[in-house]
Amino acid sequence: MRKTRVSLDVHQVDVELLRMFNSPSNDDRLRRIAKLALVDIIKSELSEKQRKYIILYYYKGLKIDEIAKQSGVNKSTVSRTLSRARANIARRMKYYIEFGNRFSDEEDW
């Protein structure tokens, strides 16, 4: 079985995850595990503010200045919070990526 190496540099987490999710790889199972892991991490491991900003930025497509205006905070606060959220995601995704091949399927979670 071919292993997929994922860079866990905090600044590259979003790029690597998007690449992994969108690649025409034969390893669809690893992508499914990564997607489930990401959803689980966002729901249960991030602070409320981190979760809110991640959802607004990545899922709703808002820009940092739009999130700041909507939340009533400085752009730097949003930027720092997103950076911390990415770092948290990277640390936790490392576990799922390293141990993901040990799961027989998604029901093992």
C-alpha atoms as a PDB file:
ATOM      1  CA  MET A   1       0.000   0.000   0.000  1.00  0.00           C
ATOM      2  CA  ARG A   2       1.387   3.373  -1.001  1.00  0.00           C
ATOM      3  CA  LYS A   3       1.577   5.922   1.821  1.00  0.00           C
ATOM      4  CA  THR A   4       0.658   9.528   1.179  1.00  0.00           C
ATOM      5  CA  ARG A   5       3.016  11.997   2.802  1.00  0.00           C
ATOM      6  CA  VAL A   6       1.323  15.129   4.062  1.00  0.00           C
ATOM      7  CA  SER A   7       3.266  18.193   5.093  1.00  0.00           C
ATOM      8  CA  LEU A   8       2.059  19.444   8.441  1.00  0.00           C
ATOM      9  CA  ASP A   9       3.717  22.841   8.312  1.00  0.00           C
ATOM     10  CA  VAL A  10       1.098  25.111   9.847  1.00  0.00           C
ATOM     11  CA  HIS A  11       1.255  27.546   6.934  1.00  0.00           C
ATOM     12  CA  GLN A  12       0.639  24.781   4.409  1.00  0.00           C
ATOM     13  CA  VAL A  13      -2.134  22.846   6.176  1.00  0.00           C
ATOM     14  CA  ASP A  14      -5.012  24.253   4.175  1.00  0.00           C
ATOM     15  CA  VAL A  15      -3.138  23.849   0.880  1.00  0.00           C
ATOM     16  CA  GLU A  16      -2.178  20.248   1.655  1.00  0.00           C
ATOM     17  CA  LEU A  17      -5.681  19.295   2.774  1.00  0.00           C
ATOM     18  CA  LEU A  18      -7.269  20.830  -0.313  1.00  0.00           C
ATOM     19  CA  ARG A  19      -4.723  19.076  -2.515  1.00  0.00           C
ATOM     20  CA  MET A  20      -5.409  15.767  -0.813  1.00  0.00           C
ATOM     21  CA  PHE A  21      -9.197  16.165  -1.009  1.00  0.00           C
ATOM     22  CA  ASN A  22      -9.176  17.195  -4.653  1.00  0.00           C
ATOM     23  CA  SER A  23      -6.468  14.919  -6.062  1.00  0.00           C
ATOM     24  CA  PRO A  24      -7.527  12.198  -8.489  1.00  0.00           C
ATOM     25  CA  SER A  25      -5.780   9.703  -6.223  1.00  0.00           C
ATOM     26  CA  ASN A  26      -6.681   6.050  -6.070  1.00  0.00           C
ATOM     27  CA  ASP A  27      -6.718   6.332  -2.305  1.00  0.00           C
ATOM     28  CA  ASP A  28     -10.293   7.584  -1.874  1.00  0.00           C
ATOM     29  CA  ARG A  29     -10.420   5.899   1.512  1.00  0.00           C
ATOM     30  CA  LEU A  30      -7.656   8.129   2.890  1.00  0.00           C
ATOM     31  CA  ARG A  31      -9.476  11.197   1.567  1.00  0.00           C
ATOM     32  CA  ARG A  32     -12.710  10.081   3.253  1.00  0.00           C
ATOM     33  CA  ILE A  33     -10.859   9.527   6.521  1.00  0.00           C
ATOM     34  CA  ALA A  34      -9.207  12.945   6.234  1.00  0.00           C
ATOM     35  CA  LYS A  35     -12.536  14.648   5.547  1.00  0.00           C
ATOM     36  CA  LEU A  36     -14.192  12.924   8.499  1.00  0.00           C
ATOM     37  CA  ALA A  37     -11.216  13.781  10.695  1.00  0.00           C
ATOM     38  CA  LEU A  38     -11.339  17.427   9.651  1.00  0.00           C
ATOM     39  CA  VAL A  39     -15.049  17.684  10.432  1.00  0.00           C
ATOM     40  CA  ASP A  40     -14.497  15.974  13.775  1.00  0.00           C
ATOM     41  CA  ILE A  41     -11.622  18.308  14.658  1.00  0.00           C
ATOM     42  CA  ILE A  42     -13.585  21.420  13.709  1.00  0.00           C
ATOM     43  CA  LYS A  43     -16.603  20.301  15.728  1.00  0.00           C
ATOM     44  CA  SER A  44     -14.868  19.052  18.852  1.00  0.00           C
ATOM     45  CA  GLU A  45     -11.301  20.340  19.114  1.00  0.00           C
ATOM     46  CA  LEU A  46     -11.420  24.029  18.186  1.00  0.00           C
ATOM     47  CA  SER A  47     -12.553  26.872  20.397  1.00  0.00           C
ATOM     48  CA  GLU A  48     -15.879  28.458  19.554  1.00  0.00           C
ATOM     49  CA  LYS A  49     -14.181  31.492  18.011  1.00  0.00           C
ATOM     50  CA  GLN A  50     -11.760  29.351  15.982  1.00  0.00           C
ATOM     51  CA  ARG A  51     -14.611  27.195  14.714  1.00  0.00           C
ATOM     52  CA  LYS A  52     -16.662  30.278  13.759  1.00  0.00           C
ATOM     53  CA  TYR A  53     -13.789  31.897  11.844  1.00  0.00           C
ATOM     54  CA  ILE A  54     -12.806  28.658  10.080  1.00  0.00           C
ATOM     55  CA  ILE A  55     -16.397  28.145   8.918  1.00  0.00           C
ATOM     56  CA  LEU A  56     -16.778  31.745   7.771  1.00  0.00           C
ATOM     57  CA  TYR A  57     -13.410  31.794   6.004  1.00  0.00           C
ATOM     58  CA  TYR A  58     -13.280  28.365   4.350  1.00  0.00           C
ATOM     59  CA  TYR A  59     -16.897  27.293   4.036  1.00  0.00           C
ATOM     60  CA  LYS A  60     -18.666  30.627   3.548  1.00  0.00           C
ATOM     61  CA  GLY A  61     -15.802  32.176   1.584  1.00  0.00           C
ATOM     62  CA  LEU A  62     -15.636  35.431   3.552  1.00  0.00           C
ATOM     63  CA  LYS A  63     -12.450  37.487   3.562  1.00  0.00           C
ATOM     64  CA  ILE A  64     -10.611  38.298   6.779  1.00  0.00           C
ATOM     65  CA  ASP A  65     -11.759  41.934   6.742  1.00  0.00           C
ATOM     66  CA  GLU A  66     -15.389  40.829   6.230  1.00  0.00           C
ATOM     67  CA  ILE A  67     -15.171  38.429   9.174  1.00  0.00           C
ATOM     68  CA  ALA A  68     -13.598  41.153  11.320  1.00  0.00           C
ATOM     69  CA  LYS A  69     -16.323  43.637  10.447  1.00  0.00           C
ATOM     70  CA  GLN A  70     -19.089  41.082  11.068  1.00  0.00           C
ATOM     71  CA  SER A  71     -17.534  40.032  14.400  1.00  0.00           C
ATOM     72  CA  GLY A  72     -16.620  43.548  15.561  1.00  0.00           C
ATOM     73  CA  VAL A  73     -12.897  42.798  15.976  1.00  0.00           C
ATOM     74  CA  ASN A  74      -9.643  43.828  14.292  1.00  0.00           C
ATOM     75  CA  LYS A  75      -8.452  42.035  11.162  1.00  0.00           C
ATOM     76  CA  SER A  76      -5.332  40.994  13.070  1.00  0.00           C
ATOM     77  CA  THR A  77      -7.509  39.212  15.652  1.00  0.00           C
ATOM     78  CA  VAL A  78      -9.204  37.195  12.914  1.00  0.00           C
ATOM     79  CA  SER A  79      -5.867  36.449  11.260  1.00  0.00           C
ATOM     80  CA  ARG A  80      -4.267  35.284  14.526  1.00  0.00           C
ATOM     81  CA  THR A  81      -7.296  33.172  15.418  1.00  0.00           C
ATOM     82  CA  LEU A  82      -7.264  31.505  11.997  1.00  0.00           C
ATOM     83  CA  SER A  83      -3.528  30.816  12.382  1.00  0.00           C
ATOM     84  CA  ARG A  84      -4.087  29.211  15.768  1.00  0.00           C
ATOM     85  CA  ALA A  85      -6.982  27.184  14.387  1.00  0.00           C
ATOM     86  CA  ARG A  86      -4.794  25.937  11.511  1.00  0.00           C
ATOM     87  CA  ALA A  87      -2.069  24.989  14.007  1.00  0.00           C
ATOM     88  CA  ASN A  88      -4.613  23.060  16.096  1.00  0.00           C
ATOM     89  CA  ILE A  89      -5.951  21.339  12.999  1.00  0.00           C
ATOM     90  CA  ALA A  90      -2.417  20.450  11.859  1.00  0.00           C
ATOM     91  CA  ARG A  91      -1.505  18.923  15.214  1.00  0.00           C
ATOM     92  CA  ARG A  92      -4.656  16.854  15.314  1.00  0.00           C
ATOM     93  CA  MET A  93      -4.649  15.889  11.625  1.00  0.00           C
ATOM     94  CA  LYS A  94      -1.186  14.437  12.107  1.00  0.00           C
ATOM     95  CA  TYR A  95      -2.730  11.785  14.353  1.00  0.00           C
ATOM     96  CA  TYR A  96      -5.483  10.945  11.866  1.00  0.00           C
ATOM     97  CA  ILE A  97      -3.079  10.810   8.915  1.00  0.00           C
ATOM     98  CA  GLU A  98      -0.548   8.646  10.769  1.00  0.00           C
ATOM     99  CA  PHE A  99      -3.158   6.262  12.151  1.00  0.00           C
ATOM    100  CA  GLY A 100      -5.791   6.530   9.415  1.00  0.00           C
ATOM    101  CA  ASN A 101      -4.552   3.452   7.594  1.00  0.00           C
ATOM    102  CA  ARG A 102      -5.281   1.385  10.701  1.00  0.00           C
ATOM    103  CA  PHE A 103      -9.044   1.945  10.362  1.00  0.00           C
ATOM    104  CA  SER A 104     -10.843  -0.699   8.346  1.00  0.00           C
ATOM    105  CA  ASP A 105     -13.589   1.803   7.407  1.00  0.00           C
ATOM    106  CA  GLU A 106     -15.333   4.914   8.710  1.00  0.00           C
ATOM    107  CA  GLU A 107     -17.558   2.954  11.118  1.00  0.00           C
ATOM    108  CA  ASP A 108     -14.502   2.171  13.265  1.00  0.00           C
ATOM    109  CA  TRP A 109     -14.521   5.759  14.480  1.00  0.00           C
END
